[in-house]
Amino acid sequence: MSMELIVDKYGIFVIIFFAIIGILYIFNLLSLFLMKRNKAQILPKLLLLVKNAQNEIEGIIRNLVNMGLLERVEEVNVMDLGSEDETVEILNRLSEEIGINIILSKEGVITEVFNYPYIIILDLRRLSPCEAMSCLLSNFKETSKIRTNFPEILGP
């Protein structure tokens, strides 16, 4: 067999092989582009950890609503860690009124929240309400659309 005969016989297969590789490469680039676009649209889930917070929890959640932060998160989950006061009753009322999710067990957190790629967790047992809002706002790139009523504490 001469070299010309091999090229004539297998040349079309080589062209088809490289054409398939080129098409697969284009599909790969297209899928990377689409995945990058979809990642920008993922909203975080917010998980608030509370215990015996009857004096603060309603104000914190109403501030989240008034600041427009509920539109910037996928959902708000509040986990009560064994409150002995009226915290759970207040959370139940706010759940019906605003639509927050209340989690009362560790298994609920694992199934509801931790299977999500972007979670913001605030432990309100250790933070004051102003510190909690400041920490929460630091998770957003663009805070200019978030309404605050205490800018000297939270910044611009």
N, C-alpha and C. Protein backbone atom coordinates (compact mmCIF):
# COMPACT_ATOMS: atom_id res chain seq x y z
N MET A 1 0.84 -1.18 0.00
CA MET A 1 0.00 0.00 0.00
C MET A 1 0.88 1.24 0.00
N SER A 2 0.57 2.10 -0.87
CA SER A 2 1.32 3.35 -0.91
C SER A 2 0.66 4.37 0.00
N MET A 3 1.40 5.43 0.28
CA MET A 3 0.92 6.48 1.18
C MET A 3 -0.31 7.18 0.61
N GLU A 4 -0.38 7.37 -0.67
CA GLU A 4 -1.53 8.04 -1.28
C GLU A 4 -2.79 7.21 -1.13
N LEU A 5 -2.64 5.91 -1.21
CA LEU A 5 -3.78 5.03 -1.07
C LEU A 5 -4.34 5.08 0.37
N ILE A 6 -3.43 5.15 1.36
CA ILE A 6 -3.86 5.26 2.75
C ILE A 6 -4.58 6.57 2.99
N VAL A 7 -4.04 7.69 2.47
CA VAL A 7 -4.68 8.99 2.63
C VAL A 7 -6.03 9.01 1.94
N ASP A 8 -6.10 8.44 0.75
CA ASP A 8 -7.38 8.40 0.05
C ASP A 8 -8.39 7.53 0.77
N LYS A 9 -7.91 6.43 1.33
CA LYS A 9 -8.83 5.50 1.99
C LYS A 9 -9.29 6.01 3.36
N TYR A 10 -8.37 6.56 4.15
CA TYR A 10 -8.70 6.96 5.52
C TYR A 10 -8.82 8.47 5.73
N GLY A 11 -8.61 9.26 4.71
CA GLY A 11 -8.67 10.72 4.83
C GLY A 11 -10.01 11.23 5.30
N ILE A 12 -11.09 10.67 4.81
CA ILE A 12 -12.42 11.12 5.21
C ILE A 12 -12.68 10.82 6.68
N PHE A 13 -12.12 9.68 7.18
CA PHE A 13 -12.29 9.36 8.60
C PHE A 13 -11.53 10.33 9.50
N VAL A 14 -10.36 10.74 9.06
CA VAL A 14 -9.58 11.72 9.82
C VAL A 14 -10.33 13.05 9.87
N ILE A 15 -10.89 13.45 8.76
CA ILE A 15 -11.65 14.71 8.72
C ILE A 15 -12.88 14.61 9.63
N ILE A 16 -13.59 13.49 9.56
CA ILE A 16 -14.77 13.31 10.42
C ILE A 16 -14.36 13.28 11.88
N PHE A 17 -13.25 12.62 12.20
CA PHE A 17 -12.76 12.56 13.58
C PHE A 17 -12.50 13.96 14.14
N PHE A 18 -11.78 14.77 13.38
CA PHE A 18 -11.48 16.13 13.86
C PHE A 18 -12.72 17.01 13.87
N ALA A 19 -13.66 16.78 12.99
CA ALA A 19 -14.92 17.54 13.01
C ALA A 19 -15.71 17.21 14.28
N ILE A 20 -15.74 15.94 14.67
CA ILE A 20 -16.44 15.56 15.90
C ILE A 20 -15.77 16.17 17.11
N ILE A 21 -14.45 16.17 17.16
CA ILE A 21 -13.72 16.80 18.26
C ILE A 21 -14.05 18.29 18.32
N GLY A 22 -14.09 18.95 17.19
CA GLY A 22 -14.43 20.38 17.16
C GLY A 22 -15.84 20.66 17.65
N ILE A 23 -16.79 19.82 17.25
CA ILE A 23 -18.18 19.99 17.70
C ILE A 23 -18.28 19.78 19.21
N LEU A 24 -17.60 18.74 19.72
CA LEU A 24 -17.62 18.50 21.17
C LEU A 24 -16.99 19.67 21.92
N TYR A 25 -15.94 20.24 21.38
CA TYR A 25 -15.30 21.39 22.03
C TYR A 25 -16.25 22.59 22.07
N ILE A 26 -16.98 22.81 21.01
CA ILE A 26 -17.96 23.92 20.97
C ILE A 26 -19.07 23.68 21.99
N PHE A 27 -19.57 22.43 22.10
CA PHE A 27 -20.58 22.12 23.11
C PHE A 27 -20.04 22.33 24.52
N ASN A 28 -18.78 21.97 24.73
CA ASN A 28 -18.16 22.18 26.03
C ASN A 28 -18.11 23.67 26.38
N LEU A 29 -17.67 24.49 25.44
CA LEU A 29 -17.63 25.94 25.69
C LEU A 29 -19.01 26.50 25.95
N LEU A 30 -19.99 26.04 25.20
CA LEU A 30 -21.36 26.51 25.37
C LEU A 30 -21.90 26.11 26.75
N SER A 31 -21.64 24.89 27.18
CA SER A 31 -22.14 24.47 28.50
C SER A 31 -21.45 25.25 29.62
N LEU A 32 -20.15 25.53 29.48
CA LEU A 32 -19.47 26.34 30.49
C LEU A 32 -20.05 27.74 30.56
N PHE A 33 -20.38 28.31 29.42
CA PHE A 33 -20.97 29.65 29.38
C PHE A 33 -22.33 29.65 30.06
N LEU A 34 -23.15 28.66 29.77
CA LEU A 34 -24.49 28.60 30.36
C LEU A 34 -24.43 28.33 31.85
N MET A 35 -23.52 27.49 32.31
CA MET A 35 -23.39 27.23 33.73
C MET A 35 -22.92 28.47 34.47
N LYS A 36 -22.04 29.23 33.86
CA LYS A 36 -21.56 30.47 34.49
C LYS A 36 -22.70 31.46 34.63
N ARG A 37 -23.56 31.55 33.64
CA ARG A 37 -24.71 32.46 33.71
C ARG A 37 -25.67 32.02 34.80
N ASN A 38 -25.93 30.74 34.93
CA ASN A 38 -26.86 30.25 35.94
C ASN A 38 -26.32 30.42 37.35
N LYS A 39 -25.00 30.32 37.54
CA LYS A 39 -24.44 30.49 38.87
C LYS A 39 -24.66 31.90 39.39
N ALA A 40 -24.67 32.88 38.53
CA ALA A 40 -24.87 34.26 38.96
C ALA A 40 -26.28 34.47 39.49
N GLN A 41 -27.21 33.59 39.16
CA GLN A 41 -28.59 33.76 39.56
C GLN A 41 -28.94 33.01 40.84
N ILE A 42 -28.00 32.29 41.41
CA ILE A 42 -28.28 31.55 42.63
C ILE A 42 -28.38 32.52 43.80
N LEU A 43 -29.50 32.50 44.47
CA LEU A 43 -29.68 33.32 45.65
C LEU A 43 -29.34 32.51 46.88
N PRO A 44 -28.79 33.14 47.91
CA PRO A 44 -28.45 32.38 49.11
C PRO A 44 -29.69 32.06 49.94
N LYS A 45 -29.59 31.01 50.72
CA LYS A 45 -30.58 30.73 51.75
C LYS A 45 -30.02 31.31 53.04
N LEU A 46 -30.90 31.86 53.85
CA LEU A 46 -30.50 32.46 55.12
C LEU A 46 -30.96 31.56 56.24
N LEU A 47 -30.02 31.21 57.13
CA LEU A 47 -30.33 30.40 58.30
C LEU A 47 -29.99 31.21 59.54
N LEU A 48 -30.99 31.50 60.34
CA LEU A 48 -30.80 32.22 61.60
C LEU A 48 -30.90 31.22 62.74
N LEU A 49 -29.91 31.20 63.61
CA LEU A 49 -29.92 30.34 64.79
C LEU A 49 -30.32 31.20 65.99
N VAL A 50 -31.38 30.80 66.68
CA VAL A 50 -31.88 31.60 67.80
C VAL A 50 -32.14 30.73 69.02
N LYS A 51 -32.07 31.37 70.18
CA LYS A 51 -32.45 30.73 71.43
C LYS A 51 -32.81 31.83 72.42
N ASN A 52 -34.00 31.74 72.99
CA ASN A 52 -34.49 32.72 73.95
C ASN A 52 -34.34 34.15 73.42
N ALA A 53 -34.91 34.39 72.25
CA ALA A 53 -34.77 35.69 71.59
C ALA A 53 -36.11 36.39 71.43
N GLN A 54 -36.99 36.23 72.38
CA GLN A 54 -38.33 36.82 72.24
C GLN A 54 -38.29 38.34 72.15
N ASN A 55 -37.30 38.98 72.73
CA ASN A 55 -37.24 40.44 72.70
C ASN A 55 -36.67 40.98 71.39
N GLU A 56 -35.93 40.18 70.65
CA GLU A 56 -35.25 40.68 69.46
C GLU A 56 -35.75 40.09 68.15
N ILE A 57 -36.26 38.86 68.14
CA ILE A 57 -36.46 38.14 66.89
C ILE A 57 -37.46 38.81 65.96
N GLU A 58 -38.53 39.33 66.50
CA GLU A 58 -39.52 39.98 65.62
C GLU A 58 -38.92 41.23 64.98
N GLY A 59 -38.18 42.01 65.73
CA GLY A 59 -37.55 43.20 65.17
C GLY A 59 -36.53 42.86 64.10
N ILE A 60 -35.76 41.81 64.32
CA ILE A 60 -34.75 41.42 63.34
C ILE A 60 -35.42 40.98 62.04
N ILE A 61 -36.44 40.17 62.14
CA ILE A 61 -37.09 39.67 60.92
C ILE A 61 -37.85 40.79 60.22
N ARG A 62 -38.49 41.66 60.98
CA ARG A 62 -39.17 42.80 60.33
C ARG A 62 -38.17 43.74 59.67
N ASN A 63 -36.97 43.91 60.26
CA ASN A 63 -35.93 44.69 59.61
C ASN A 63 -35.48 44.06 58.31
N LEU A 64 -35.40 42.72 58.28
CA LEU A 64 -35.06 42.05 57.02
C LEU A 64 -36.08 42.35 55.94
N VAL A 65 -37.35 42.36 56.32
CA VAL A 65 -38.42 42.66 55.37
C VAL A 65 -38.33 44.12 54.93
N ASN A 66 -38.20 45.04 55.90
CA ASN A 66 -38.17 46.47 55.58
C ASN A 66 -36.96 46.87 54.76
N MET A 67 -35.84 46.17 54.95
CA MET A 67 -34.63 46.48 54.20
C MET A 67 -34.66 45.89 52.79
N GLY A 68 -35.61 45.06 52.48
CA GLY A 68 -35.70 44.45 51.16
C GLY A 68 -34.79 43.24 51.00
N LEU A 69 -34.33 42.68 52.10
CA LEU A 69 -33.42 41.54 52.00
C LEU A 69 -34.13 40.23 51.66
N LEU A 70 -35.42 40.15 51.90
CA LEU A 70 -36.12 38.91 51.58
C LEU A 70 -36.19 38.67 50.08
N GLU A 71 -36.10 39.75 49.29
CA GLU A 71 -36.08 39.58 47.83
C GLU A 71 -34.71 39.13 47.35
N ARG A 72 -33.70 39.21 48.20
CA ARG A 72 -32.34 38.88 47.80
C ARG A 72 -31.88 37.53 48.33
N VAL A 73 -32.76 36.80 48.98
CA VAL A 73 -32.44 35.45 49.45
C VAL A 73 -33.50 34.48 48.92
N GLU A 74 -33.10 33.24 48.75
CA GLU A 74 -34.02 32.21 48.29
C GLU A 74 -35.11 31.96 49.32
N GLU A 75 -34.71 31.82 50.56
CA GLU A 75 -35.66 31.64 51.65
C GLU A 75 -34.98 31.95 52.96
N VAL A 76 -35.80 32.22 53.97
CA VAL A 76 -35.30 32.48 55.31
C VAL A 76 -35.72 31.32 56.20
N ASN A 77 -34.73 30.68 56.81
CA ASN A 77 -34.97 29.58 57.75
C ASN A 77 -34.52 30.03 59.13
N VAL A 78 -35.34 29.79 60.13
CA VAL A 78 -34.99 30.12 61.50
C VAL A 78 -35.00 28.82 62.30
N MET A 79 -33.86 28.52 62.91
CA MET A 79 -33.77 27.32 63.74
C MET A 79 -33.74 27.71 65.19
N ASP A 80 -34.74 27.24 65.91
CA ASP A 80 -34.78 27.49 67.35
C ASP A 80 -34.01 26.38 68.05
N LEU A 81 -33.09 26.78 68.91
CA LEU A 81 -32.21 25.82 69.59
C LEU A 81 -32.64 25.57 71.03
N GLY A 82 -33.92 25.43 71.23
CA GLY A 82 -34.42 25.09 72.56
C GLY A 82 -34.80 26.28 73.41
N SER A 83 -35.51 27.22 72.84
CA SER A 83 -35.92 28.40 73.61
C SER A 83 -36.89 28.00 74.72
N GLU A 84 -36.78 28.70 75.84
CA GLU A 84 -37.67 28.47 76.97
C GLU A 84 -38.62 29.64 77.16
N ASP A 85 -38.61 30.58 76.22
CA ASP A 85 -39.50 31.74 76.32
C ASP A 85 -40.50 31.69 75.17
N GLU A 86 -40.99 32.82 74.74
CA GLU A 86 -42.04 32.90 73.72
C GLU A 86 -41.48 32.95 72.28
N THR A 87 -40.22 32.64 72.08
CA THR A 87 -39.60 32.76 70.76
C THR A 87 -40.32 31.92 69.71
N VAL A 88 -40.63 30.68 70.02
CA VAL A 88 -41.26 29.79 69.05
C VAL A 88 -42.64 30.30 68.66
N GLU A 89 -43.41 30.82 69.62
CA GLU A 89 -44.74 31.36 69.30
C GLU A 89 -44.62 32.58 68.39
N ILE A 90 -43.65 33.43 68.65
CA ILE A 90 -43.43 34.61 67.80
C ILE A 90 -43.03 34.16 66.40
N LEU A 91 -42.15 33.16 66.31
CA LEU A 91 -41.73 32.65 65.00
C LEU A 91 -42.90 32.03 64.24
N ASN A 92 -43.78 31.33 64.94
CA ASN A 92 -44.96 30.75 64.27
C ASN A 92 -45.84 31.84 63.69
N ARG A 93 -46.05 32.91 64.44
CA ARG A 93 -46.86 34.02 63.94
C ARG A 93 -46.20 34.68 62.74
N LEU A 94 -44.88 34.90 62.82
CA LEU A 94 -44.16 35.52 61.70
C LEU A 94 -44.12 34.60 60.49
N SER A 95 -44.09 33.31 60.73
CA SER A 95 -44.10 32.35 59.63
C SER A 95 -45.38 32.45 58.82
N GLU A 96 -46.50 32.57 59.52
CA GLU A 96 -47.78 32.72 58.82
C GLU A 96 -47.88 34.06 58.13
N GLU A 97 -47.35 35.10 58.74
CA GLU A 97 -47.48 36.46 58.21
C GLU A 97 -46.49 36.75 57.08
N ILE A 98 -45.23 36.34 57.25
CA ILE A 98 -44.18 36.73 56.32
C ILE A 98 -43.75 35.58 55.41
N GLY A 99 -43.80 34.36 55.92
CA GLY A 99 -43.41 33.21 55.11
C GLY A 99 -42.02 32.67 55.39
N ILE A 100 -41.54 32.84 56.60
CA ILE A 100 -40.26 32.25 56.96
C ILE A 100 -40.47 30.79 57.34
N ASN A 101 -39.41 30.00 57.24
CA ASN A 101 -39.48 28.59 57.62
C ASN A 101 -38.90 28.43 59.02
N ILE A 102 -39.60 27.67 59.84
CA ILE A 102 -39.13 27.41 61.20
C ILE A 102 -38.65 25.97 61.26
N ILE A 103 -37.45 25.79 61.79
CA ILE A 103 -36.87 24.46 61.91
C ILE A 103 -36.64 24.21 63.40
N LEU A 104 -37.16 23.12 63.89
CA LEU A 104 -37.06 22.83 65.32
C LEU A 104 -36.13 21.65 65.63
N SER A 105 -35.56 21.01 64.60
CA SER A 105 -34.68 19.87 64.86
C SER A 105 -33.44 19.95 63.96
N LYS A 106 -32.39 19.31 64.39
CA LYS A 106 -31.16 19.28 63.59
C LYS A 106 -31.37 18.54 62.28
N GLU A 107 -32.21 17.52 62.28
CA GLU A 107 -32.48 16.78 61.05
C GLU A 107 -33.16 17.69 60.03
N GLY A 108 -33.99 18.61 60.50
CA GLY A 108 -34.63 19.55 59.60
C GLY A 108 -33.64 20.45 58.91
N VAL A 109 -32.61 20.86 59.61
CA VAL A 109 -31.57 21.69 59.00
C VAL A 109 -30.84 20.92 57.93
N ILE A 110 -30.51 19.69 58.22
CA ILE A 110 -29.75 18.89 57.25
C ILE A 110 -30.55 18.69 55.97
N THR A 111 -31.83 18.36 56.10
CA THR A 111 -32.62 18.09 54.90
C THR A 111 -33.05 19.37 54.19
N GLU A 112 -33.38 20.41 54.92
CA GLU A 112 -33.92 21.62 54.31
C GLU A 112 -32.85 22.56 53.78
N VAL A 113 -31.76 22.69 54.48
CA VAL A 113 -30.84 23.79 54.20
C VAL A 113 -29.51 23.32 53.63
N PHE A 114 -28.89 22.35 54.24
CA PHE A 114 -27.51 22.03 53.90
C PHE A 114 -27.33 21.35 52.56
N ASN A 115 -28.38 21.03 51.87
CA ASN A 115 -28.27 20.49 50.52
C ASN A 115 -28.31 21.60 49.47
N TYR A 116 -28.03 22.80 49.87
CA TYR A 116 -28.08 23.97 48.98
C TYR A 116 -26.68 24.54 48.85
N PRO A 117 -26.30 25.06 47.67
CA PRO A 117 -24.90 25.47 47.48
C PRO A 117 -24.47 26.76 48.18
N TYR A 118 -25.40 27.63 48.55
CA TYR A 118 -25.00 28.94 49.10
C TYR A 118 -25.88 29.25 50.30
N ILE A 119 -25.29 29.19 51.48
CA ILE A 119 -26.03 29.39 52.72
C ILE A 119 -25.34 30.47 53.54
N ILE A 120 -26.12 31.39 54.09
CA ILE A 120 -25.61 32.38 55.04
C ILE A 120 -26.18 31.99 56.40
N ILE A 121 -25.29 31.72 57.35
CA ILE A 121 -25.71 31.31 58.68
C ILE A 121 -25.36 32.41 59.67
N LEU A 122 -26.35 32.88 60.41
CA LEU A 122 -26.12 33.89 61.45
C LEU A 122 -26.55 33.31 62.79
N ASP A 123 -25.63 33.26 63.71
CA ASP A 123 -25.91 32.78 65.05
C ASP A 123 -26.32 33.99 65.89
N LEU A 124 -27.60 34.20 66.04
CA LEU A 124 -28.11 35.37 66.74
C LEU A 124 -27.98 35.24 68.26
N ARG A 125 -27.54 34.10 68.73
CA ARG A 125 -27.28 33.96 70.16
C ARG A 125 -26.04 34.73 70.57
N ARG A 126 -25.15 34.98 69.60
CA ARG A 126 -23.87 35.59 69.91
C ARG A 126 -23.71 36.99 69.31
N LEU A 127 -24.69 37.46 68.56
CA LEU A 127 -24.60 38.76 67.90
C LEU A 127 -25.74 39.67 68.35
N SER A 128 -25.43 40.95 68.46
CA SER A 128 -26.50 41.92 68.69
C SER A 128 -27.25 42.11 67.37
N PRO A 129 -28.46 42.67 67.40
CA PRO A 129 -29.19 42.89 66.15
C PRO A 129 -28.42 43.72 65.13
N CYS A 130 -27.71 44.76 65.57
CA CYS A 130 -26.93 45.58 64.64
C CYS A 130 -25.76 44.80 64.05
N GLU A 131 -25.10 44.01 64.88
CA GLU A 131 -24.00 43.18 64.37
C GLU A 131 -24.52 42.15 63.38
N ALA A 132 -25.68 41.59 63.64
CA ALA A 132 -26.27 40.60 62.74
C ALA A 132 -26.57 41.22 61.38
N MET A 133 -27.16 42.41 61.37
CA MET A 133 -27.47 43.08 60.10
C MET A 133 -26.19 43.43 59.35
N SER A 134 -25.19 43.88 60.07
CA SER A 134 -23.91 44.22 59.43
C SER A 134 -23.28 42.98 58.81
N CYS A 135 -23.28 41.87 59.52
CA CYS A 135 -22.73 40.62 58.98
C CYS A 135 -23.53 40.16 57.77
N LEU A 136 -24.83 40.29 57.84
CA LEU A 136 -25.66 39.86 56.73
C LEU A 136 -25.41 40.71 55.50
N LEU A 137 -25.33 42.01 55.66
CA LEU A 137 -25.09 42.90 54.51
C LEU A 137 -23.72 42.67 53.88
N SER A 138 -22.75 42.22 54.66
CA SER A 138 -21.42 41.99 54.10
C SER A 138 -21.40 40.83 53.12
N ASN A 139 -22.46 40.03 53.06
CA ASN A 139 -22.53 38.91 52.13
C ASN A 139 -23.07 39.30 50.76
N PHE A 140 -23.48 40.54 50.59
CA PHE A 140 -24.03 40.97 49.32
C PHE A 140 -23.06 41.92 48.64
N LYS A 141 -22.85 41.73 47.33
CA LYS A 141 -21.93 42.58 46.59
C LYS A 141 -22.48 43.99 46.44
N GLU A 142 -23.74 44.08 46.09
CA GLU A 142 -24.34 45.39 45.83
C GLU A 142 -25.34 45.70 46.93
N THR A 143 -24.95 46.57 47.85
CA THR A 143 -25.84 46.91 48.95
C THR A 143 -26.58 48.21 48.70
N SER A 144 -26.38 48.83 47.55
CA SER A 144 -27.03 50.11 47.30
C SER A 144 -28.54 49.98 47.18
N LYS A 145 -29.04 48.79 46.83
CA LYS A 145 -30.48 48.60 46.70
C LYS A 145 -31.13 48.14 48.00
N ILE A 146 -30.32 47.99 49.05
CA ILE A 146 -30.85 47.57 50.34
C ILE A 146 -31.10 48.82 51.17
N ARG A 147 -32.33 48.92 51.69
CA ARG A 147 -32.71 50.09 52.46
C ARG A 147 -32.30 49.90 53.92
N THR A 148 -31.57 50.85 54.47
CA THR A 148 -31.21 50.78 55.88
C THR A 148 -31.65 52.06 56.57
N ASN A 149 -31.92 51.93 57.86
CA ASN A 149 -32.29 53.12 58.62
C ASN A 149 -31.22 53.46 59.66
N PHE A 150 -30.08 52.81 59.60
CA PHE A 150 -28.98 53.15 60.48
C PHE A 150 -27.66 53.03 59.71
N PRO A 151 -27.43 53.91 58.71
CA PRO A 151 -26.25 53.78 57.85
C PRO A 151 -24.94 54.03 58.58
N GLU A 152 -24.93 54.77 59.67
CA GLU A 152 -23.66 55.02 60.37
C GLU A 152 -23.10 53.75 60.99
N ILE A 153 -23.96 52.78 61.25
CA ILE A 153 -23.51 51.51 61.82
C ILE A 153 -23.10 50.54 60.72
N LEU A 154 -23.90 50.50 59.65
CA LEU A 154 -23.69 49.50 58.61
C LEU A 154 -22.82 49.99 57.47
N GLY A 155 -22.53 51.23 57.37
CA GLY A 155 -21.74 51.74 56.26
C GLY A 155 -22.64 52.19 55.12
N PRO A 156 -22.03 52.58 53.97
CA PRO A 156 -22.83 53.12 52.86
C PRO A 156 -23.74 52.10 52.24
